Amino acid sequence: LYILTLCPTVGLSDSGELAAVCATLGIAHPTGYPIYTLLGRVIVSMMPFVPPVVATNFMSALFSALAAMTLFAIARLNGASKITASIISLMFASGRIIWKEAVVTEVYGLSAFIQWSAVLALLMWHRGKNPRWLLLSAYLWGIGFAHHMSTILFTPSIALIAIVDRRRLNGKLIALCSLLFVTA
C-alpha cells in the first residue's frame, strides 16, 4: 500500500535534504542521521534507474513496512492471534502520521523499525534464557539513540522488563549491554 501511494518526487520538510545527503554521503542537520544516510546510500546505489528522492522514498516505505511486521511479531509473541496481530500492525501502519512519513523521504520509518526491533529482542530475552537477545536489544537501543532521540520514549518499557527480570541480570551481562549500547 505504501508503494501505491509513494510520493513521486520531493516531499515537504526534510525530504530534499535527506535525499541529497543519501545520494552524496553528506551530513544532514543535527543529529546528522548517519545510519539513515549510509542505508540511504546503499538504496540509492541499488536503484540507479530512479532519482535519488524516489529511491529514498522507497526506503521510507520499506522500513515503515518492516516496523509494522516487527510489531506483528511482538503481538504474536505476547499471545495475540494472527488476526489480532494483523489488525494491530495494520492499525499502526495505516495511522495518519505513520503513513504520511512512510511515503516520503523521512527518518521515522527507520526509527520505528529499530525501536520495535529492540523491543522484540528484549521480549525474546524475557521469554527465554538466551542472553544474546538482551545483548542484541542493547545494541539496537544504542543504534536507535544514534539515529533519533525519540528512542528515549521506549526507555520505560526497557526499565520495566529489566526490573521484572532483575534476577537474571548479573554484572557481566550489564557491562556487556552497556558496552554494546555505547559503541552502537
Protein backbone atom coordinates (compact mmCIF):
# COMPACT_ATOMS: atom_id res chain seq x y z
CA LEU A 1 0.00 0.00 0.00
CA TYR A 2 2.88 2.37 0.71
CA ILE A 3 4.35 1.75 -2.75
CA LEU A 4 0.99 2.55 -4.38
CA THR A 5 0.84 5.90 -2.57
CA LEU A 6 4.57 6.69 -2.69
CA CYS A 7 5.41 10.33 -3.29
CA PRO A 8 6.83 10.55 -6.84
CA THR A 9 9.10 13.47 -6.01
CA VAL A 10 10.38 15.59 -3.11
CA GLY A 11 8.00 15.81 -0.18
CA LEU A 12 7.68 18.56 2.37
CA SER A 13 10.00 19.17 5.32
CA ASP A 14 13.38 17.41 5.20
CA SER A 15 12.83 15.14 2.19
CA GLY A 16 15.01 17.05 -0.25
CA GLU A 17 17.84 17.48 2.22
CA LEU A 18 17.80 13.81 3.29
CA ALA A 19 17.66 12.53 -0.30
CA ALA A 20 20.59 14.76 -1.28
CA VAL A 21 22.56 13.64 1.77
CA CYS A 22 21.98 9.97 0.91
CA ALA A 23 22.98 10.49 -2.71
CA THR A 24 26.20 12.36 -1.85
CA LEU A 25 27.07 10.91 1.58
CA GLY A 26 26.77 14.39 3.02
CA ILE A 27 25.72 15.37 6.52
CA ALA A 28 22.14 16.29 7.35
CA HIS A 29 21.02 18.73 10.02
CA PRO A 30 21.75 17.61 13.61
CA THR A 31 21.88 14.72 14.52
CA GLY A 32 23.14 14.08 11.02
CA TYR A 33 21.34 10.71 10.77
CA PRO A 34 24.47 8.70 9.89
CA ILE A 35 22.73 5.31 9.88
CA TYR A 36 19.94 6.62 7.68
CA THR A 37 22.48 8.26 5.37
CA LEU A 38 24.52 5.08 4.93
CA LEU A 39 21.47 2.89 4.37
CA GLY A 40 20.07 5.52 2.01
CA ARG A 41 23.30 5.50 0.03
CA VAL A 42 23.02 1.73 -0.37
CA ILE A 43 19.40 2.02 -1.57
CA VAL A 44 20.24 4.88 -3.96
CA SER A 45 23.13 2.82 -5.38
CA MET A 46 20.87 -0.19 -5.81
CA MET A 47 18.28 1.87 -7.69
CA PRO A 48 20.32 3.90 -10.24
CA PHE A 49 17.37 3.95 -12.67
CA VAL A 50 15.29 6.30 -10.48
CA PRO A 51 16.02 9.73 -8.99
CA PRO A 52 17.61 9.55 -5.51
CA VAL A 53 14.50 11.02 -3.89
CA VAL A 54 12.32 8.22 -5.29
CA ALA A 55 14.80 5.63 -4.01
CA THR A 56 14.82 7.20 -0.54
CA ASN A 57 11.02 7.50 -0.59
CA PHE A 58 11.00 3.76 -1.27
CA MET A 59 13.41 3.24 1.64
CA SER A 60 10.99 5.01 3.98
CA ALA A 61 8.18 2.76 2.79
CA LEU A 62 10.35 -0.33 3.24
CA PHE A 63 11.36 0.48 6.81
CA SER A 64 7.83 1.52 7.76
CA ALA A 65 6.53 -1.82 6.47
CA LEU A 66 9.29 -3.65 8.36
CA ALA A 67 8.31 -1.75 11.52
CA ALA A 68 4.70 -2.93 11.11
CA MET A 69 5.91 -6.50 10.57
CA THR A 70 8.02 -6.29 13.71
CA LEU A 71 5.01 -5.04 15.66
CA PHE A 72 3.09 -8.06 14.31
CA ALA A 73 5.83 -10.34 15.70
CA ILE A 74 5.67 -8.57 19.08
CA ALA A 75 1.91 -9.03 19.24
CA ARG A 76 2.21 -12.72 18.33
CA LEU A 77 4.95 -13.22 20.94
CA ASN A 78 2.58 -11.75 23.52
CA GLY A 79 -0.13 -14.26 22.67
CA ALA A 80 -2.22 -12.37 20.11
CA SER A 81 -3.87 -14.43 17.40
CA LYS A 82 -2.74 -13.92 13.81
CA ILE A 83 -5.87 -11.88 13.12
CA THR A 84 -5.42 -9.68 16.19
CA ALA A 85 -1.71 -9.19 15.45
CA SER A 86 -2.57 -8.30 11.85
CA ILE A 87 -5.12 -5.73 12.99
CA ILE A 88 -2.61 -4.22 15.43
CA SER A 89 0.12 -3.93 12.82
CA LEU A 90 -2.27 -2.65 10.13
CA MET A 91 -3.64 -0.02 12.50
CA PHE A 92 -0.08 1.10 13.21
CA ALA A 93 0.92 1.05 9.53
CA SER A 94 -2.17 2.90 8.35
CA GLY A 95 -2.17 5.57 11.04
CA ARG A 96 -2.23 9.05 9.55
CA ILE A 97 1.17 10.14 10.84
CA ILE A 98 2.95 6.85 10.12
CA TRP A 99 1.53 6.69 6.60
CA LYS A 100 2.40 10.32 5.91
CA GLU A 101 6.03 9.71 6.87
CA ALA A 102 6.21 6.31 5.14
CA VAL A 103 5.66 7.62 1.62
CA VAL A 104 8.26 10.41 1.60
CA THR A 105 11.95 10.58 2.41
CA GLU A 106 11.94 10.77 6.19
CA VAL A 107 13.77 9.11 9.12
CA TYR A 108 10.77 7.92 11.13
CA GLY A 109 10.18 4.56 9.44
CA LEU A 110 13.74 3.53 10.22
CA SER A 111 13.32 4.85 13.77
CA ALA A 112 10.20 2.76 14.30
CA PHE A 113 11.84 -0.34 12.84
CA ILE A 114 14.90 -0.01 15.09
CA GLN A 115 12.81 0.71 18.18
CA TRP A 116 10.32 -2.13 17.64
CA SER A 117 13.22 -4.49 16.84
CA ALA A 118 14.90 -3.58 20.15
CA VAL A 119 11.64 -4.24 21.99
CA LEU A 120 11.18 -7.56 20.15
CA ALA A 121 14.71 -8.69 21.07
CA LEU A 122 14.14 -7.67 24.68
CA LEU A 123 10.89 -9.65 24.81
CA MET A 124 12.65 -12.66 23.27
CA TRP A 125 15.16 -12.49 26.12
CA HIS A 126 12.36 -12.05 28.65
CA ARG A 127 10.57 -15.15 27.32
CA GLY A 128 13.67 -17.33 27.00
CA LYS A 129 17.01 -17.93 28.58
CA ASN A 130 19.43 -16.79 25.89
CA PRO A 131 21.25 -13.58 26.92
CA ARG A 132 22.13 -12.90 23.27
CA TRP A 133 18.66 -11.44 22.82
CA LEU A 134 19.35 -8.96 25.61
CA LEU A 135 22.69 -8.05 24.04
CA LEU A 136 21.01 -7.56 20.65
CA SER A 137 18.37 -5.37 22.27
CA ALA A 138 21.04 -3.22 23.95
CA TYR A 139 22.89 -2.83 20.66
CA LEU A 140 19.70 -1.92 18.77
CA TRP A 141 18.82 0.51 21.54
CA GLY A 142 22.18 2.22 21.07
CA ILE A 143 21.64 2.36 17.31
CA GLY A 144 18.20 3.81 17.96
CA PHE A 145 19.65 6.60 20.10
CA ALA A 146 22.33 7.28 17.48
CA HIS A 147 19.62 7.55 14.85
CA HIS A 148 16.87 9.54 16.57
CA MET A 149 16.26 10.76 20.09
CA SER A 150 12.62 9.62 20.03
CA THR A 151 14.07 6.28 21.13
CA ILE A 152 14.02 7.68 24.66
CA LEU A 153 10.24 7.25 24.67
CA PHE A 154 10.68 3.45 24.73
CA THR A 155 13.01 3.56 27.74
CA PRO A 156 10.27 2.93 30.35
CA SER A 157 9.47 -0.42 28.72
CA ILE A 158 13.13 -1.41 28.90
CA ALA A 159 13.29 -0.39 32.55
CA LEU A 160 10.12 -2.31 33.39
CA ILE A 161 11.34 -5.54 31.82
CA ALA A 162 14.76 -5.12 33.45
CA ILE A 163 13.09 -4.70 36.85
CA VAL A 164 10.89 -7.76 36.29
CA ASP A 165 13.89 -9.85 35.20
CA ARG A 166 16.49 -8.41 37.59
CA ARG A 167 17.32 -11.88 38.97
CA ARG A 168 18.58 -12.91 35.53
CA LEU A 169 20.89 -9.90 35.28
CA ASN A 170 24.45 -10.04 36.52
CA GLY A 171 27.36 -7.62 36.45
CA LYS A 172 28.96 -9.16 33.36
CA LEU A 173 25.70 -9.05 31.38
CA ILE A 174 25.01 -5.46 32.41
CA ALA A 175 28.56 -4.45 31.46
CA LEU A 176 28.26 -6.14 28.03
CA CYS A 177 24.89 -4.48 27.41
CA SER A 178 26.31 -1.10 28.40
CA LEU A 179 29.31 -1.60 26.09
CA LEU A 180 27.11 -2.58 23.16
CA PHE A 181 24.75 0.34 23.81
CA VAL A 182 27.59 2.87 23.93
CA THR A 183 29.53 1.50 20.96
CA ALA A 184 26.48 1.43 18.72
